[in-house]
Amino acid sequence: MLSKLKAISNSRRSVLIIAFIICIAITFETLQQLYYINRFQIADDVTFFTILKTQSYRWLIWVLLSLILIWHIKTKANKKQTILDILILVCVIFSLVLINIILISLIQIYFSNEVFSISELFSEYIPFFTYQKAPIYTLGYIAISMILYLYFENEKLQIEVQELSELKISNTKLYEELRLKVDEKSTVLNIKIGNKRKIIPVDQISWIEADDYCVKVHTTSNKTYTMRSSLKALEEKLNTNFLRVHRKAIVNMDLAKELNLANTPNLILQNETQVPISKSNLRIVKDFFR
């Protein structure tokens, strides 16, 4: 039973719960009246369905007026509830109960074929129906208010969860895009020298030269270190300011001060070192300087 109820949408579930509460209220009140009629022998041959038929219009009025309560709660659904809002809701509920009592009193006078009298209305009918109907009507409206409040709060929570879910998906996609564009590049090179290791910040590397199965790392301090690696492997690790200008050379373009387009194109670094540029890489170097 619970699993079937969970499978129903929130709006339909709320409607079913409200309808169930109304049915319980009508059944309870009808049985209550039947008990008093039988207990005090007010009338003979009165059945449950007889009482239900005579008071059906009263509950119809109650249901129709409850639409005002539903509209009021819906207009306040997306706002933070304050003490004033609660007091207004209480006033709305008691006002609807009072309107119910006045309406059913007037209808009862009409069905009784009695001459309408204001004094009789306020002295007999309204007090009688206030005693008989006000408690059950009030409890019914309170129950509807609580159910609708929980429904709209749950609806608002689901919207927030959906927005957070969409934000998470958006941020995940953005992270993946940035991760592809900005790879985790090395900020230092770890070079083994004998039994020691030399840590060289990449911003202190002016250029790297291929040397058989090793590379020579030239630094801004005019020192050179030999490292067992390939230019291709280092090219993938270094930042985008390192440019492959030759099959045997990678240059830190932040330290390049001049492009020489003589018969043999080359880059002149800040320490006056000249690094040759291959014809296949000349276009890339020119684009870098633009």
C-alpha atoms as a PDB file:
ATOM      1  CA  MET A   1       0.000   0.000   0.000  1.00  0.00           C
ATOM      2  CA  LEU A   2       2.795   2.426   0.963  1.00  0.00           C
ATOM      3  CA  SER A   3       4.785   1.557  -2.152  1.00  0.00           C
ATOM      4  CA  LYS A   4       1.760   2.304  -4.345  1.00  0.00           C
ATOM      5  CA  LEU A   5       1.242   5.640  -2.544  1.00  0.00           C
ATOM      6  CA  LYS A   6       4.889   6.605  -3.099  1.00  0.00           C
ATOM      7  CA  ALA A   7       4.559   5.864  -6.807  1.00  0.00           C
ATOM      8  CA  ILE A   8       1.841   8.529  -7.112  1.00  0.00           C
ATOM      9  CA  SER A   9       2.931  12.092  -7.859  1.00  0.00           C
ATOM     10  CA  ASN A  10       3.069  14.550  -4.953  1.00  0.00           C
ATOM     11  CA  SER A  11       0.108  16.610  -6.177  1.00  0.00           C
ATOM     12  CA  ARG A  12      -2.158  13.562  -6.612  1.00  0.00           C
ATOM     13  CA  ARG A  13      -0.985  12.161  -3.295  1.00  0.00           C
ATOM     14  CA  SER A  14      -1.931  15.412  -1.536  1.00  0.00           C
ATOM     15  CA  VAL A  15      -5.357  15.424  -3.191  1.00  0.00           C
ATOM     16  CA  LEU A  16      -5.939  11.811  -2.139  1.00  0.00           C
ATOM     17  CA  ILE A  17      -4.912  12.549   1.447  1.00  0.00           C
ATOM     18  CA  ILE A  18      -7.198  15.599   1.616  1.00  0.00           C
ATOM     19  CA  ALA A  19     -10.085  13.590   0.126  1.00  0.00           C
ATOM     20  CA  PHE A  20      -9.426  10.829   2.660  1.00  0.00           C
ATOM     21  CA  ILE A  21      -9.510  13.328   5.532  1.00  0.00           C
ATOM     22  CA  ILE A  22     -12.786  14.805   4.249  1.00  0.00           C
ATOM     23  CA  CYS A  23     -14.328  11.317   4.063  1.00  0.00           C
ATOM     24  CA  ILE A  24     -13.210  10.571   7.626  1.00  0.00           C
ATOM     25  CA  ALA A  25     -14.611  13.890   8.873  1.00  0.00           C
ATOM     26  CA  ILE A  26     -17.979  13.347   7.145  1.00  0.00           C
ATOM     27  CA  THR A  27     -18.198   9.756   8.392  1.00  0.00           C
ATOM     28  CA  PHE A  28     -17.265  10.743  11.947  1.00  0.00           C
ATOM     29  CA  GLU A  29     -19.807  13.559  12.106  1.00  0.00           C
ATOM     30  CA  THR A  30     -22.574  11.412  10.609  1.00  0.00           C
ATOM     31  CA  LEU A  31     -21.916   8.610  13.106  1.00  0.00           C
ATOM     32  CA  GLN A  32     -21.824  11.180  15.910  1.00  0.00           C
ATOM     33  CA  GLN A  33     -25.237  12.549  14.944  1.00  0.00           C
ATOM     34  CA  LEU A  34     -26.633   9.046  14.558  1.00  0.00           C
ATOM     35  CA  TYR A  35     -25.418   8.188  18.056  1.00  0.00           C
ATOM     36  CA  TYR A  36     -27.116  11.229  19.629  1.00  0.00           C
ATOM     37  CA  ILE A  37     -30.369  10.589  17.727  1.00  0.00           C
ATOM     38  CA  ASN A  38     -30.478   6.970  18.905  1.00  0.00           C
ATOM     39  CA  ARG A  39     -29.199   7.747  22.391  1.00  0.00           C
ATOM     40  CA  PHE A  40     -31.816  10.386  23.158  1.00  0.00           C
ATOM     41  CA  GLN A  41     -34.502   8.851  20.913  1.00  0.00           C
ATOM     42  CA  ILE A  42     -34.945  12.041  18.922  1.00  0.00           C
ATOM     43  CA  ALA A  43     -36.341  10.248  15.857  1.00  0.00           C
ATOM     44  CA  ASP A  44     -37.195   6.757  14.653  1.00  0.00           C
ATOM     45  CA  ASP A  45     -35.964   4.852  11.593  1.00  0.00           C
ATOM     46  CA  VAL A  46     -33.034   7.183  11.037  1.00  0.00           C
ATOM     47  CA  THR A  47     -30.111   5.523   9.251  1.00  0.00           C
ATOM     48  CA  PHE A  48     -26.540   6.528   8.517  1.00  0.00           C
ATOM     49  CA  PHE A  49     -27.331   7.284   4.871  1.00  0.00           C
ATOM     50  CA  THR A  50     -30.390   9.330   5.809  1.00  0.00           C
ATOM     51  CA  ILE A  51     -28.268  11.681   7.904  1.00  0.00           C
ATOM     52  CA  LEU A  52     -25.531  11.710   5.264  1.00  0.00           C
ATOM     53  CA  LYS A  53     -28.055  12.770   2.607  1.00  0.00           C
ATOM     54  CA  THR A  54     -29.510  15.602   4.682  1.00  0.00           C
ATOM     55  CA  GLN A  55     -26.143  17.109   5.490  1.00  0.00           C
ATOM     56  CA  SER A  56     -24.442  16.533   2.102  1.00  0.00           C
ATOM     57  CA  TYR A  57     -25.022  20.128   1.002  1.00  0.00           C
ATOM     58  CA  ARG A  58     -23.291  21.364   4.174  1.00  0.00           C
ATOM     59  CA  TRP A  59     -20.125  19.531   3.357  1.00  0.00           C
ATOM     60  CA  LEU A  60     -20.369  20.638  -0.251  1.00  0.00           C
ATOM     61  CA  ILE A  61     -20.315  24.245   0.962  1.00  0.00           C
ATOM     62  CA  TRP A  62     -17.367  23.401   3.213  1.00  0.00           C
ATOM     63  CA  VAL A  63     -15.438  21.912   0.272  1.00  0.00           C
ATOM     64  CA  LEU A  64     -16.189  24.865  -2.013  1.00  0.00           C
ATOM     65  CA  LEU A  65     -15.045  27.370   0.619  1.00  0.00           C
ATOM     66  CA  SER A  66     -11.894  25.335   1.185  1.00  0.00           C
ATOM     67  CA  LEU A  67     -10.810  26.426  -2.314  1.00  0.00           C
ATOM     68  CA  ILE A  68     -10.305  29.915  -0.852  1.00  0.00           C
ATOM     69  CA  LEU A  69      -8.023  28.422   1.794  1.00  0.00           C
ATOM     70  CA  ILE A  70      -6.078  26.480  -0.845  1.00  0.00           C
ATOM     71  CA  TRP A  71      -5.652  29.639  -2.950  1.00  0.00           C
ATOM     72  CA  HIS A  72      -4.456  31.607   0.093  1.00  0.00           C
ATOM     73  CA  ILE A  73      -1.849  28.991   1.037  1.00  0.00           C
ATOM     74  CA  LYS A  74      -0.658  28.693  -2.564  1.00  0.00           C
ATOM     75  CA  THR A  75      -0.037  32.462  -2.803  1.00  0.00           C
ATOM     76  CA  LYS A  76       2.141  32.270   0.318  1.00  0.00           C
ATOM     77  CA  ALA A  77       3.909  29.057  -0.676  1.00  0.00           C
ATOM     78  CA  ASN A  78       7.156  30.566  -2.011  1.00  0.00           C
ATOM     79  CA  LYS A  79       7.550  33.074   0.816  1.00  0.00           C
ATOM     80  CA  LYS A  80       9.160  32.649   4.189  1.00  0.00           C
ATOM     81  CA  GLN A  81       6.405  32.188   6.764  1.00  0.00           C
ATOM     82  CA  THR A  82       6.276  34.737   9.588  1.00  0.00           C
ATOM     83  CA  ILE A  83       4.175  34.961  12.730  1.00  0.00           C
ATOM     84  CA  LEU A  84       1.952  37.477  10.933  1.00  0.00           C
ATOM     85  CA  ASP A  85       1.352  34.983   8.094  1.00  0.00           C
ATOM     86  CA  ILE A  86       0.326  32.334  10.629  1.00  0.00           C
ATOM     87  CA  LEU A  87      -2.065  34.747  12.340  1.00  0.00           C
ATOM     88  CA  ILE A  88      -3.580  35.665   8.961  1.00  0.00           C
ATOM     89  CA  LEU A  89      -4.034  31.954   8.177  1.00  0.00           C
ATOM     90  CA  VAL A  90      -5.806  31.435  11.510  1.00  0.00           C
ATOM     91  CA  CYS A  91      -8.111  34.368  10.723  1.00  0.00           C
ATOM     92  CA  VAL A  92      -8.837  32.927   7.266  1.00  0.00           C
ATOM     93  CA  ILE A  93      -9.740  29.534   8.757  1.00  0.00           C
ATOM     94  CA  PHE A  94     -12.079  30.998  11.401  1.00  0.00           C
ATOM     95  CA  SER A  95     -13.629  33.322   8.813  1.00  0.00           C
ATOM     96  CA  LEU A  96     -14.365  30.387   6.515  1.00  0.00           C
ATOM     97  CA  VAL A  97     -15.882  28.419   9.388  1.00  0.00           C
ATOM     98  CA  LEU A  98     -18.097  31.408  10.258  1.00  0.00           C
ATOM     99  CA  ILE A  99     -19.202  31.796   6.619  1.00  0.00           C
ATOM    100  CA  ASN A 100     -19.999  28.067   6.530  1.00  0.00           C
ATOM    101  CA  ILE A 101     -22.165  28.335   9.620  1.00  0.00           C
ATOM    102  CA  ILE A 102     -24.035  31.393   8.331  1.00  0.00           C
ATOM    103  CA  LEU A 103     -24.679  29.802   4.933  1.00  0.00           C
ATOM    104  CA  ILE A 104     -25.927  26.458   6.256  1.00  0.00           C
ATOM    105  CA  SER A 105     -28.083  28.321   8.796  1.00  0.00           C
ATOM    106  CA  LEU A 106     -29.720  30.337   6.011  1.00  0.00           C
ATOM    107  CA  ILE A 107     -30.225  27.226   3.881  1.00  0.00           C
ATOM    108  CA  GLN A 108     -31.709  25.361   6.844  1.00  0.00           C
ATOM    109  CA  ILE A 109     -34.202  28.188   7.436  1.00  0.00           C
ATOM    110  CA  TYR A 110     -35.146  28.029   3.754  1.00  0.00           C
ATOM    111  CA  PHE A 111     -35.670  24.235   3.823  1.00  0.00           C
ATOM    112  CA  SER A 112     -37.740  24.544   7.009  1.00  0.00           C
ATOM    113  CA  ASN A 113     -40.196  26.888   5.263  1.00  0.00           C
ATOM    114  CA  GLU A 114     -39.933  29.275   8.179  1.00  0.00           C
ATOM    115  CA  VAL A 115     -40.251  33.041   8.001  1.00  0.00           C
ATOM    116  CA  PHE A 116     -36.791  34.529   7.974  1.00  0.00           C
ATOM    117  CA  SER A 117     -35.887  36.353  11.161  1.00  0.00           C
ATOM    118  CA  ILE A 118     -32.538  37.906  12.037  1.00  0.00           C
ATOM    119  CA  SER A 119     -33.078  37.403  15.723  1.00  0.00           C
ATOM    120  CA  GLU A 120     -33.950  33.725  15.243  1.00  0.00           C
ATOM    121  CA  LEU A 121     -30.946  33.299  12.950  1.00  0.00           C
ATOM    122  CA  PHE A 122     -28.523  34.563  15.596  1.00  0.00           C
ATOM    123  CA  SER A 123     -30.315  33.140  18.623  1.00  0.00           C
ATOM    124  CA  GLU A 124     -31.033  29.613  17.408  1.00  0.00           C
ATOM    125  CA  TYR A 125     -29.512  28.514  14.103  1.00  0.00           C
ATOM    126  CA  ILE A 126     -26.025  30.042  14.281  1.00  0.00           C
ATOM    127  CA  PRO A 127     -25.396  28.905  17.915  1.00  0.00           C
ATOM    128  CA  PHE A 128     -26.720  25.411  17.091  1.00  0.00           C
ATOM    129  CA  PHE A 129     -24.536  24.933  13.984  1.00  0.00           C
ATOM    130  CA  THR A 130     -21.567  26.562  15.729  1.00  0.00           C
ATOM    131  CA  TYR A 131     -21.758  23.900  18.404  1.00  0.00           C
ATOM    132  CA  GLN A 132     -22.422  21.118  15.895  1.00  0.00           C
ATOM    133  CA  LYS A 133     -20.164  22.067  12.964  1.00  0.00           C
ATOM    134  CA  ALA A 134     -17.489  24.528  14.050  1.00  0.00           C
ATOM    135  CA  PRO A 135     -15.121  21.996  15.719  1.00  0.00           C
ATOM    136  CA  ILE A 136     -15.105  19.488  12.848  1.00  0.00           C
ATOM    137  CA  TYR A 137     -14.959  22.218  10.177  1.00  0.00           C
ATOM    138  CA  THR A 138     -12.052  23.930  11.936  1.00  0.00           C
ATOM    139  CA  LEU A 139     -10.103  20.691  12.345  1.00  0.00           C
ATOM    140  CA  GLY A 140     -10.705  19.887   8.680  1.00  0.00           C
ATOM    141  CA  TYR A 141      -9.344  23.247   7.506  1.00  0.00           C
ATOM    142  CA  ILE A 142      -6.331  22.922   9.820  1.00  0.00           C
ATOM    143  CA  ALA A 143      -5.592  19.471   8.401  1.00  0.00           C
ATOM    144  CA  ILE A 144      -5.799  20.813   4.817  1.00  0.00           C
ATOM    145  CA  SER A 145      -3.501  23.709   5.732  1.00  0.00           C
ATOM    146  CA  MET A 146      -0.870  21.379   7.179  1.00  0.00           C
ATOM    147  CA  ILE A 147      -0.993  19.017   4.201  1.00  0.00           C
ATOM    148  CA  LEU A 148      -0.739  21.859   1.682  1.00  0.00           C
ATOM    149  CA  TYR A 149       2.087  23.513   3.607  1.00  0.00           C
ATOM    150  CA  LEU A 150       4.071  20.260   3.600  1.00  0.00           C
ATOM    151  CA  TYR A 151       3.269  19.733  -0.077  1.00  0.00           C
ATOM    152  CA  PHE A 152       4.459  23.179  -1.172  1.00  0.00           C
ATOM    153  CA  GLU A 153       7.564  22.951   1.057  1.00  0.00           C
ATOM    154  CA  ASN A 154       8.397  19.574  -0.482  1.00  0.00           C
ATOM    155  CA  GLU A 155       7.819  21.001  -3.963  1.00  0.00           C
ATOM    156  CA  LYS A 156      10.124  23.941  -3.209  1.00  0.00           C
ATOM    157  CA  LEU A 157      12.756  21.564  -1.818  1.00  0.00           C
ATOM    158  CA  GLN A 158      12.589  19.400  -4.957  1.00  0.00           C
ATOM    159  CA  ILE A 159      13.115  22.500  -7.131  1.00  0.00           C
ATOM    160  CA  GLU A 160      16.177  23.460  -5.062  1.00  0.00           C
ATOM    161  CA  VAL A 161      17.532  19.899  -5.302  1.00  0.00           C
ATOM    162  CA  GLN A 162      16.996  19.951  -9.076  1.00  0.00           C
ATOM    163  CA  GLU A 163      18.793  23.303  -9.363  1.00  0.00           C
ATOM    164  CA  LEU A 164      21.703  21.992  -7.285  1.00  0.00           C
ATOM    165  CA  SER A 165      21.827  18.854  -9.416  1.00  0.00           C
ATOM    166  CA  GLU A 166      21.929  20.929 -12.606  1.00  0.00           C
ATOM    167  CA  LEU A 167      24.610  23.159 -11.065  1.00  0.00           C
ATOM    168  CA  LYS A 168      26.670  20.098 -10.175  1.00  0.00           C
ATOM    169  CA  ILE A 169      26.398  18.764 -13.734  1.00  0.00           C
ATOM    170  CA  SER A 170      27.314  22.192 -15.130  1.00  0.00           C
ATOM    171  CA  ASN A 171      30.310  22.519 -12.814  1.00  0.00           C
ATOM    172  CA  THR A 172      31.445  18.982 -13.625  1.00  0.00           C
ATOM    173  CA  LYS A 173      31.323  19.728 -17.355  1.00  0.00           C
ATOM    174  CA  LEU A 174      33.172  23.007 -16.810  1.00  0.00           C
ATOM    175  CA  TYR A 175      35.824  21.232 -14.751  1.00  0.00           C
ATOM    176  CA  GLU A 176      36.313  18.611 -17.447  1.00  0.00           C
ATOM    177  CA  GLU A 177      36.634  21.315 -20.122  1.00  0.00           C
ATOM    178  CA  LEU A 178      39.161  23.252 -18.058  1.00  0.00           C
ATOM    179  CA  ARG A 179      41.046  20.082 -17.186  1.00  0.00           C
ATOM    180  CA  LEU A 180      41.417  19.291 -20.869  1.00  0.00           C
ATOM    181  CA  LYS A 181      42.564  22.820 -21.664  1.00  0.00           C
ATOM    182  CA  VAL A 182      44.797  23.315 -18.648  1.00  0.00           C
ATOM    183  CA  ASP A 183      46.698  20.136 -17.981  1.00  0.00           C
ATOM    184  CA  GLU A 184      48.685  19.749 -14.828  1.00  0.00           C
ATOM    185  CA  LYS A 185      52.032  20.977 -16.120  1.00  0.00           C
ATOM    186  CA  SER A 186      55.287  20.556 -14.244  1.00  0.00           C
ATOM    187  CA  THR A 187      56.610  23.592 -12.422  1.00  0.00           C
ATOM    188  CA  VAL A 188      60.023  21.976 -11.805  1.00  0.00           C
ATOM    189  CA  LEU A 189      62.328  19.451 -13.414  1.00  0.00           C
ATOM    190  CA  ASN A 190      63.826  16.757 -11.234  1.00  0.00           C
ATOM    191  CA  ILE A 191      67.274  15.898 -12.622  1.00  0.00           C
ATOM    192  CA  LYS A 192      69.426  13.123 -11.250  1.00  0.00           C
ATOM    193  CA  ILE A 193      73.101  14.095 -10.892  1.00  0.00           C
ATOM    194  CA  GLY A 194      75.139  11.169  -9.535  1.00  0.00           C
ATOM    195  CA  ASN A 195      73.594  10.151  -6.250  1.00  0.00           C
ATOM    196  CA  LYS A 196      71.775  13.474  -5.854  1.00  0.00           C
ATOM    197  CA  ARG A 197      68.832  15.136  -7.477  1.00  0.00           C
ATOM    198  CA  LYS A 198      68.708  18.688  -8.738  1.00  0.00           C
ATOM    199  CA  ILE A 199      65.379  20.528  -8.667  1.00  0.00           C
ATOM    200  CA  ILE A 200      65.218  23.185 -11.393  1.00  0.00           C
ATOM    201  CA  PRO A 201      62.218  25.557 -11.648  1.00  0.00           C
ATOM    202  CA  VAL A 202      60.970  25.552 -15.252  1.00  0.00           C
ATOM    203  CA  ASP A 203      60.958  29.357 -15.380  1.00  0.00           C
ATOM    204  CA  GLN A 204      64.763  29.205 -14.967  1.00  0.00           C
ATOM    205  CA  ILE A 205      65.153  27.014 -18.051  1.00  0.00           C
ATOM    206  CA  SER A 206      66.074  28.977 -21.177  1.00  0.00           C
ATOM    207  CA  TRP A 207      66.036  26.086 -23.628  1.00  0.00           C
ATOM    208  CA  ILE A 208      66.407  22.313 -23.877  1.00  0.00           C
ATOM    209  CA  GLU A 209      68.604  20.523 -26.406  1.00  0.00           C
ATOM    210  CA  ALA A 210      68.359  16.914 -27.584  1.00  0.00           C
ATOM    211  CA  ASP A 211      71.520  14.847 -27.126  1.00  0.00           C
ATOM    212  CA  ASP A 212      71.137  11.222 -28.276  1.00  0.00           C
ATOM    213  CA  TYR A 213      69.024   9.453 -25.641  1.00  0.00           C
ATOM    214  CA  CYS A 214      69.332  12.357 -23.230  1.00  0.00           C
ATOM    215  CA  VAL A 215      68.618  16.075 -23.225  1.00  0.00           C
ATOM    216  CA  LYS A 216      70.665  19.030 -22.104  1.00  0.00           C
ATOM    217  CA  VAL A 217      68.806  21.526 -19.952  1.00  0.00           C
ATOM    218  CA  HIS A 218      70.236  25.042 -20.328  1.00  0.00           C
ATOM    219  CA  THR A 219      69.366  27.438 -17.500  1.00  0.00           C
ATOM    220  CA  THR A 220      69.322  31.211 -17.133  1.00  0.00           C
ATOM    221  CA  SER A 221      72.392  30.952 -14.926  1.00  0.00           C
ATOM    222  CA  ASN A 222      74.284  29.567 -17.979  1.00  0.00           C
ATOM    223  CA  LYS A 223      74.550  26.136 -16.367  1.00  0.00           C
ATOM    224  CA  THR A 224      73.725  22.981 -18.286  1.00  0.00           C
ATOM    225  CA  TYR A 225      72.363  19.746 -16.844  1.00  0.00           C
ATOM    226  CA  THR A 226      72.020  16.402 -18.598  1.00  0.00           C
ATOM    227  CA  MET A 227      68.759  14.564 -18.104  1.00  0.00           C
ATOM    228  CA  ARG A 228      67.748  11.153 -19.316  1.00  0.00           C
ATOM    229  CA  SER A 229      64.520  11.907 -21.165  1.00  0.00           C
ATOM    230  CA  SER A 230      63.213  12.800 -24.604  1.00  0.00           C
ATOM    231  CA  LEU A 231      62.143  16.164 -25.951  1.00  0.00           C
ATOM    232  CA  LYS A 232      58.699  14.764 -26.707  1.00  0.00           C
ATOM    233  CA  ALA A 233      58.201  13.664 -23.087  1.00  0.00           C
ATOM    234  CA  LEU A 234      59.346  17.042 -21.762  1.00  0.00           C
ATOM    235  CA  GLU A 235      57.224  18.929 -24.273  1.00  0.00           C
ATOM    236  CA  GLU A 236      54.115  17.305 -22.803  1.00  0.00           C
ATOM    237  CA  LYS A 237      55.137  18.227 -19.248  1.00  0.00           C
ATOM    238  CA  LEU A 238      56.163  21.848 -19.786  1.00  0.00           C
ATOM    239  CA  ASN A 239      53.946  24.928 -19.922  1.00  0.00           C
ATOM    240  CA  THR A 240      52.599  26.387 -23.146  1.00  0.00           C
ATOM    241  CA  ASN A 241      55.315  29.063 -23.191  1.00  0.00           C
ATOM    242  CA  PHE A 242      57.812  26.289 -24.095  1.00  0.00           C
ATOM    243  CA  LEU A 243      57.808  25.894 -27.871  1.00  0.00           C
ATOM    244  CA  ARG A 244      59.288  23.153 -30.025  1.00  0.00           C
ATOM    245  CA  VAL A 245      61.318  25.142 -32.581  1.00  0.00           C
ATOM    246  CA  HIS A 246      63.420  22.309 -33.923  1.00  0.00           C
ATOM    247  CA  ARG A 247      63.439  18.548 -33.727  1.00  0.00           C
ATOM    248  CA  LYS A 248      66.421  18.983 -31.376  1.00  0.00           C
ATOM    249  CA  ALA A 249      65.320  22.065 -29.415  1.00  0.00           C
ATOM    250  CA  ILE A 250      62.594  23.401 -27.121  1.00  0.00           C
ATOM    251  CA  VAL A 251      62.757  27.068 -26.169  1.00  0.00           C
ATOM    252  CA  ASN A 252      61.297  29.021 -23.271  1.00  0.00           C
ATOM    253  CA  MET A 253      59.643  31.733 -25.371  1.00  0.00           C
ATOM    254  CA  ASP A 254      59.441  34.049 -22.352  1.00  0.00           C
ATOM    255  CA  LEU A 255      63.221  34.345 -22.624  1.00  0.00           C
ATOM    256  CA  ALA A 256      63.353  34.799 -26.427  1.00  0.00           C
ATOM    257  CA  LYS A 257      64.162  38.397 -27.343  1.00  0.00           C
ATOM    258  CA  GLU A 258      64.538  38.262 -31.133  1.00  0.00           C
ATOM    259  CA  LEU A 259      63.557  36.240 -34.204  1.00  0.00           C
ATOM    260  CA  ASN A 260      66.259  36.206 -36.859  1.00  0.00           C
ATOM    261  CA  LEU A 261      64.942  35.363 -40.336  1.00  0.00           C
ATOM    262  CA  ALA A 262      68.287  35.119 -42.078  1.00  0.00           C
ATOM    263  CA  ASN A 263      69.313  32.271 -44.391  1.00  0.00           C
ATOM    264  CA  THR A 264      69.229  30.021 -41.342  1.00  0.00           C
ATOM    265  CA  PRO A 265      66.345  31.207 -39.117  1.00  0.00           C
ATOM    266  CA  ASN A 266      67.082  31.201 -35.418  1.00  0.00           C
ATOM    267  CA  LEU A 267      65.897  32.543 -32.092  1.00  0.00           C
ATOM    268  CA  ILE A 268      68.137  34.817 -30.061  1.00  0.00           C
ATOM    269  CA  LEU A 269      67.635  34.418 -26.335  1.00  0.00           C
ATOM    270  CA  GLN A 270      68.259  37.000 -23.626  1.00  0.00           C
ATOM    271  CA  ASN A 271      71.688  35.501 -22.898  1.00  0.00           C
ATOM    272  CA  GLU A 272      72.511  35.889 -26.632  1.00  0.00           C
ATOM    273  CA  THR A 273      72.262  32.160 -27.291  1.00  0.00           C
ATOM    274  CA  GLN A 274      71.161  31.379 -30.820  1.00  0.00           C
ATOM    275  CA  VAL A 275      68.811  28.428 -31.259  1.00  0.00           C
ATOM    276  CA  PRO A 276      68.168  27.240 -34.848  1.00  0.00           C
ATOM    277  CA  ILE A 277      64.577  27.030 -36.141  1.00  0.00           C
ATOM    278  CA  SER A 278      63.576  24.318 -38.601  1.00  0.00           C
ATOM    279  CA  LYS A 279      61.544  25.251 -41.650  1.00  0.00           C
ATOM    280  CA  SER A 280      58.666  23.064 -40.487  1.00  0.00           C
ATOM    281  CA  ASN A 281      58.468  24.937 -37.167  1.00  0.00           C
ATOM    282  CA  LEU A 282      59.059  28.449 -38.501  1.00  0.00           C
ATOM    283  CA  ARG A 283      55.343  29.130 -38.997  1.00  0.00           C
ATOM    284  CA  ILE A 284      54.594  28.165 -35.362  1.00  0.00           C
ATOM    285  CA  VAL A 285      57.307  30.515 -34.083  1.00  0.00           C
ATOM    286  CA  LYS A 286      56.064  33.394 -36.246  1.00  0.00           C
ATOM    287  CA  ASP A 287      52.500  32.842 -34.987  1.00  0.00           C
ATOM    288  CA  PHE A 288      53.772  32.951 -31.429  1.00  0.00           C
ATOM    289  CA  PHE A 289      55.281  36.415 -31.960  1.00  0.00           C
ATOM    290  CA  ARG A 290      52.065  37.842 -33.408  1.00  0.00           C
END
